[in-house]
Amino acid sequence: MNDLKHYNMKRTEQNNDKGNSLSTKWVYVIIAAMVLGFGAYGYFKVKQWVRYYAIEQYEKPITDYTIAKVYADDHKPQRHRGNSDDDEEEKTPDYYMEVSYQGKDYKLEIEENTYLRINNSEKVTLYYDKEGDEVFVAGTGGSNLLVTILIGIVVIIVIFFLLIRLLIKSLKKKSRAKPN
């Protein structure tokens, strides 16, 4: 009788564990979705940043541009019928620069230090990307590429350790399931 009680308790614990934990197939689905997401992101953005980096290395900066406007979007909270967007108060402002080059207008999202340099009447180095028909600030390609590579390395390490952990768990379960 005691063995039956023990068996029922153990079976109930196993069922509770199954309900609380993610099955390994869902972990693999999540990992695959992350890899596909980073792959798509990498295809579009990293390709652009590599192109920017190559332009910075092999071409001369443009000099015949005109800065039309430099401004900051400070995300001031909007009030909607007595409610305010409190979470937007904590956001840092986004900085923009509108540039005219070869008869076309371009809107660039810039960093705070570039915004401050322009406001202090310092010269900003700009490049033109013929393929993408874009104007960009010097340093954009290399720094974004480096950050993306570092994030990619961290993600790969995390995925690698998750897979090792899942492998160890499955080996432990198999060794426990084997009858002696």
Protein backbone atom coordinates (compact mmCIF):
# COMPACT_ATOMS: atom_id res chain seq x y z
CA MET A 1 0.00 0.00 0.00
CA ASN A 2 2.85 2.32 0.87
CA ASP A 3 4.48 1.61 -2.50
CA LEU A 4 1.25 2.50 -4.34
CA LYS A 5 1.01 5.78 -2.43
CA HIS A 6 4.65 6.55 -3.21
CA TYR A 7 4.08 5.72 -6.90
CA ASN A 8 1.02 8.00 -7.13
CA MET A 9 2.88 10.88 -5.43
CA LYS A 10 5.85 10.48 -7.78
CA ARG A 11 3.57 10.38 -10.83
CA THR A 12 1.75 13.54 -9.65
CA GLU A 13 5.11 15.33 -9.23
CA GLN A 14 6.15 14.30 -12.75
CA ASN A 15 2.89 15.62 -14.20
CA ASN A 16 3.34 18.91 -12.33
CA ASP A 17 6.91 19.19 -13.61
CA LYS A 18 5.69 18.66 -17.18
CA GLY A 19 3.13 21.45 -16.78
CA ASN A 20 5.64 23.93 -15.40
CA SER A 21 8.54 23.37 -17.78
CA LEU A 22 8.91 24.18 -21.45
CA SER A 23 9.19 21.13 -23.61
CA THR A 24 12.42 20.79 -25.54
CA LYS A 25 10.64 21.17 -28.89
CA TRP A 26 9.47 24.67 -27.88
CA VAL A 27 12.97 25.61 -26.80
CA TYR A 28 14.24 24.53 -30.23
CA VAL A 29 11.44 26.49 -31.94
CA ILE A 30 12.35 29.61 -29.94
CA ILE A 31 16.04 29.19 -30.76
CA ALA A 32 15.25 28.67 -34.45
CA ALA A 33 13.05 31.79 -34.48
CA MET A 34 15.84 33.80 -32.89
CA VAL A 35 18.37 32.55 -35.43
CA LEU A 36 16.02 33.35 -38.33
CA GLY A 37 15.28 36.78 -36.88
CA PHE A 38 18.94 37.64 -36.48
CA GLY A 39 19.62 36.22 -39.92
CA ALA A 40 17.00 38.46 -41.53
CA TYR A 41 18.24 41.45 -39.55
CA GLY A 42 21.80 40.65 -40.54
CA TYR A 43 20.93 40.26 -44.19
CA PHE A 44 19.49 43.75 -44.43
CA LYS A 45 21.41 45.82 -41.88
CA VAL A 46 24.85 44.25 -41.72
CA LYS A 47 25.10 44.30 -45.50
CA GLN A 48 24.36 48.04 -45.40
CA TRP A 49 26.91 48.69 -42.63
CA VAL A 50 29.61 46.74 -44.47
CA ARG A 51 28.90 48.90 -47.51
CA TYR A 52 29.12 52.05 -45.34
CA TYR A 53 32.42 50.88 -43.88
CA ALA A 54 33.83 50.22 -47.36
CA ILE A 55 32.70 53.66 -48.54
CA GLU A 56 34.39 55.27 -45.53
CA GLN A 57 37.62 53.40 -46.27
CA TYR A 58 37.86 53.90 -50.04
CA GLU A 59 35.94 57.07 -50.95
CA LYS A 60 36.32 60.72 -50.08
CA PRO A 61 33.71 62.40 -47.88
CA ILE A 62 31.20 64.68 -49.55
CA THR A 63 31.75 68.41 -49.13
CA ASP A 64 29.05 70.03 -51.25
CA TYR A 65 26.13 69.37 -48.91
CA THR A 66 23.91 71.86 -47.10
CA ILE A 67 22.47 71.26 -43.65
CA ALA A 68 18.85 72.38 -43.83
CA LYS A 69 17.76 71.55 -40.30
CA VAL A 70 19.06 69.91 -37.12
CA TYR A 71 16.56 69.03 -34.42
CA ALA A 72 15.73 66.74 -31.50
CA ASP A 73 12.52 64.80 -31.04
CA ASP A 74 12.26 64.80 -27.26
CA HIS A 75 9.22 62.47 -26.94
CA LYS A 76 7.16 64.87 -24.87
CA PRO A 77 4.25 62.94 -23.39
CA GLN A 78 0.93 63.47 -25.08
CA ARG A 79 -2.18 63.79 -23.00
CA HIS A 80 -5.19 61.72 -24.04
CA ARG A 81 -8.38 62.55 -22.17
CA GLY A 82 -6.72 62.95 -18.81
CA ASN A 83 -4.14 60.20 -19.29
CA SER A 84 -0.49 60.84 -20.01
CA ASP A 85 2.15 58.63 -21.53
CA ASP A 86 4.39 58.49 -18.45
CA ASP A 87 6.66 55.84 -19.91
CA GLU A 88 7.62 58.16 -22.77
CA GLU A 89 9.02 60.73 -20.32
CA GLU A 90 11.97 58.44 -19.62
CA LYS A 91 12.95 58.01 -23.28
CA THR A 92 16.02 59.83 -24.51
CA PRO A 93 15.45 62.16 -27.43
CA ASP A 94 16.18 61.14 -30.99
CA TYR A 95 18.29 63.52 -33.05
CA TYR A 96 17.82 64.24 -36.73
CA MET A 97 19.55 66.22 -39.44
CA GLU A 98 18.10 67.17 -42.80
CA VAL A 99 20.71 67.52 -45.53
CA SER A 100 20.52 68.62 -49.17
CA TYR A 101 23.01 66.94 -51.48
CA GLN A 102 23.01 67.00 -55.29
CA GLY A 103 19.51 68.48 -55.40
CA LYS A 104 17.95 65.83 -53.12
CA ASP A 105 16.91 66.07 -49.48
CA TYR A 106 17.96 63.40 -46.98
CA LYS A 107 16.86 62.91 -43.39
CA LEU A 108 19.52 61.36 -41.18
CA GLU A 109 19.08 60.00 -37.69
CA ILE A 110 22.18 61.14 -35.81
CA GLU A 111 23.71 60.49 -32.41
CA GLU A 112 23.73 63.01 -29.59
CA ASN A 113 27.44 63.79 -29.93
CA THR A 114 26.97 64.61 -33.64
CA TYR A 115 24.01 66.83 -32.75
CA LEU A 116 26.13 68.69 -30.20
CA ARG A 117 29.03 69.08 -32.63
CA ILE A 118 26.74 70.62 -35.25
CA ASN A 119 25.23 72.99 -32.69
CA ASN A 120 28.77 74.06 -31.72
CA SER A 121 29.45 74.90 -35.39
CA GLU A 122 31.87 72.02 -35.83
CA LYS A 123 32.22 70.29 -39.18
CA VAL A 124 30.60 66.85 -39.58
CA THR A 125 31.98 64.37 -42.09
CA LEU A 126 29.32 62.88 -44.36
CA TYR A 127 29.49 60.20 -47.05
CA TYR A 128 27.18 59.33 -49.90
CA ASP A 129 26.10 55.76 -50.63
CA LYS A 130 25.28 55.53 -54.36
CA GLU A 131 23.82 52.04 -54.13
CA GLY A 132 21.38 52.87 -51.35
CA ASP A 133 20.99 56.54 -52.37
CA GLU A 134 21.68 57.60 -48.78
CA VAL A 135 23.83 60.14 -46.99
CA PHE A 136 25.34 59.00 -43.69
CA VAL A 137 27.62 60.29 -40.94
CA ALA A 138 31.21 59.02 -40.84
CA GLY A 139 31.70 56.18 -38.36
CA THR A 140 28.20 54.80 -38.75
CA GLY A 141 29.17 51.64 -40.62
CA GLY A 142 32.13 50.48 -38.55
CA SER A 143 30.67 51.12 -35.11
CA ASN A 144 27.29 49.55 -35.90
CA LEU A 145 29.01 46.58 -37.50
CA LEU A 146 31.21 46.05 -34.44
CA VAL A 147 28.27 46.24 -32.02
CA THR A 148 26.26 43.80 -34.15
CA ILE A 149 29.14 41.34 -34.30
CA LEU A 150 29.59 41.50 -30.51
CA ILE A 151 25.86 40.97 -29.91
CA GLY A 152 25.89 38.07 -32.38
CA ILE A 153 28.79 36.43 -30.55
CA VAL A 154 26.96 36.74 -27.20
CA VAL A 155 23.77 35.27 -28.70
CA ILE A 156 25.70 32.36 -30.22
CA ILE A 157 27.39 31.65 -26.87
CA VAL A 158 24.04 31.74 -25.04
CA ILE A 159 22.44 29.40 -27.61
CA PHE A 160 25.46 27.08 -27.40
CA PHE A 161 25.21 26.84 -23.60
CA LEU A 162 21.44 26.30 -23.77
CA LEU A 163 21.94 23.42 -26.20
CA ILE A 164 24.66 21.89 -23.99
CA ARG A 165 22.37 22.20 -20.97
CA LEU A 166 19.51 20.52 -22.85
CA LEU A 167 21.87 17.74 -23.97
CA ILE A 168 23.05 17.14 -20.40
CA LYS A 169 19.45 17.06 -19.13
CA SER A 170 18.39 14.58 -21.79
CA LEU A 171 21.41 12.35 -21.07
CA LYS A 172 20.58 12.39 -17.35
CA LYS A 173 16.95 11.46 -18.07
CA LYS A 174 18.03 8.61 -20.33
CA SER A 175 20.47 7.28 -17.74
CA ARG A 176 17.76 7.38 -15.06
CA ALA A 177 15.25 5.66 -17.32
CA LYS A 178 17.54 2.69 -18.04
CA PRO A 179 16.69 -0.31 -15.87
CA ASN A 180 19.65 -1.78 -13.98
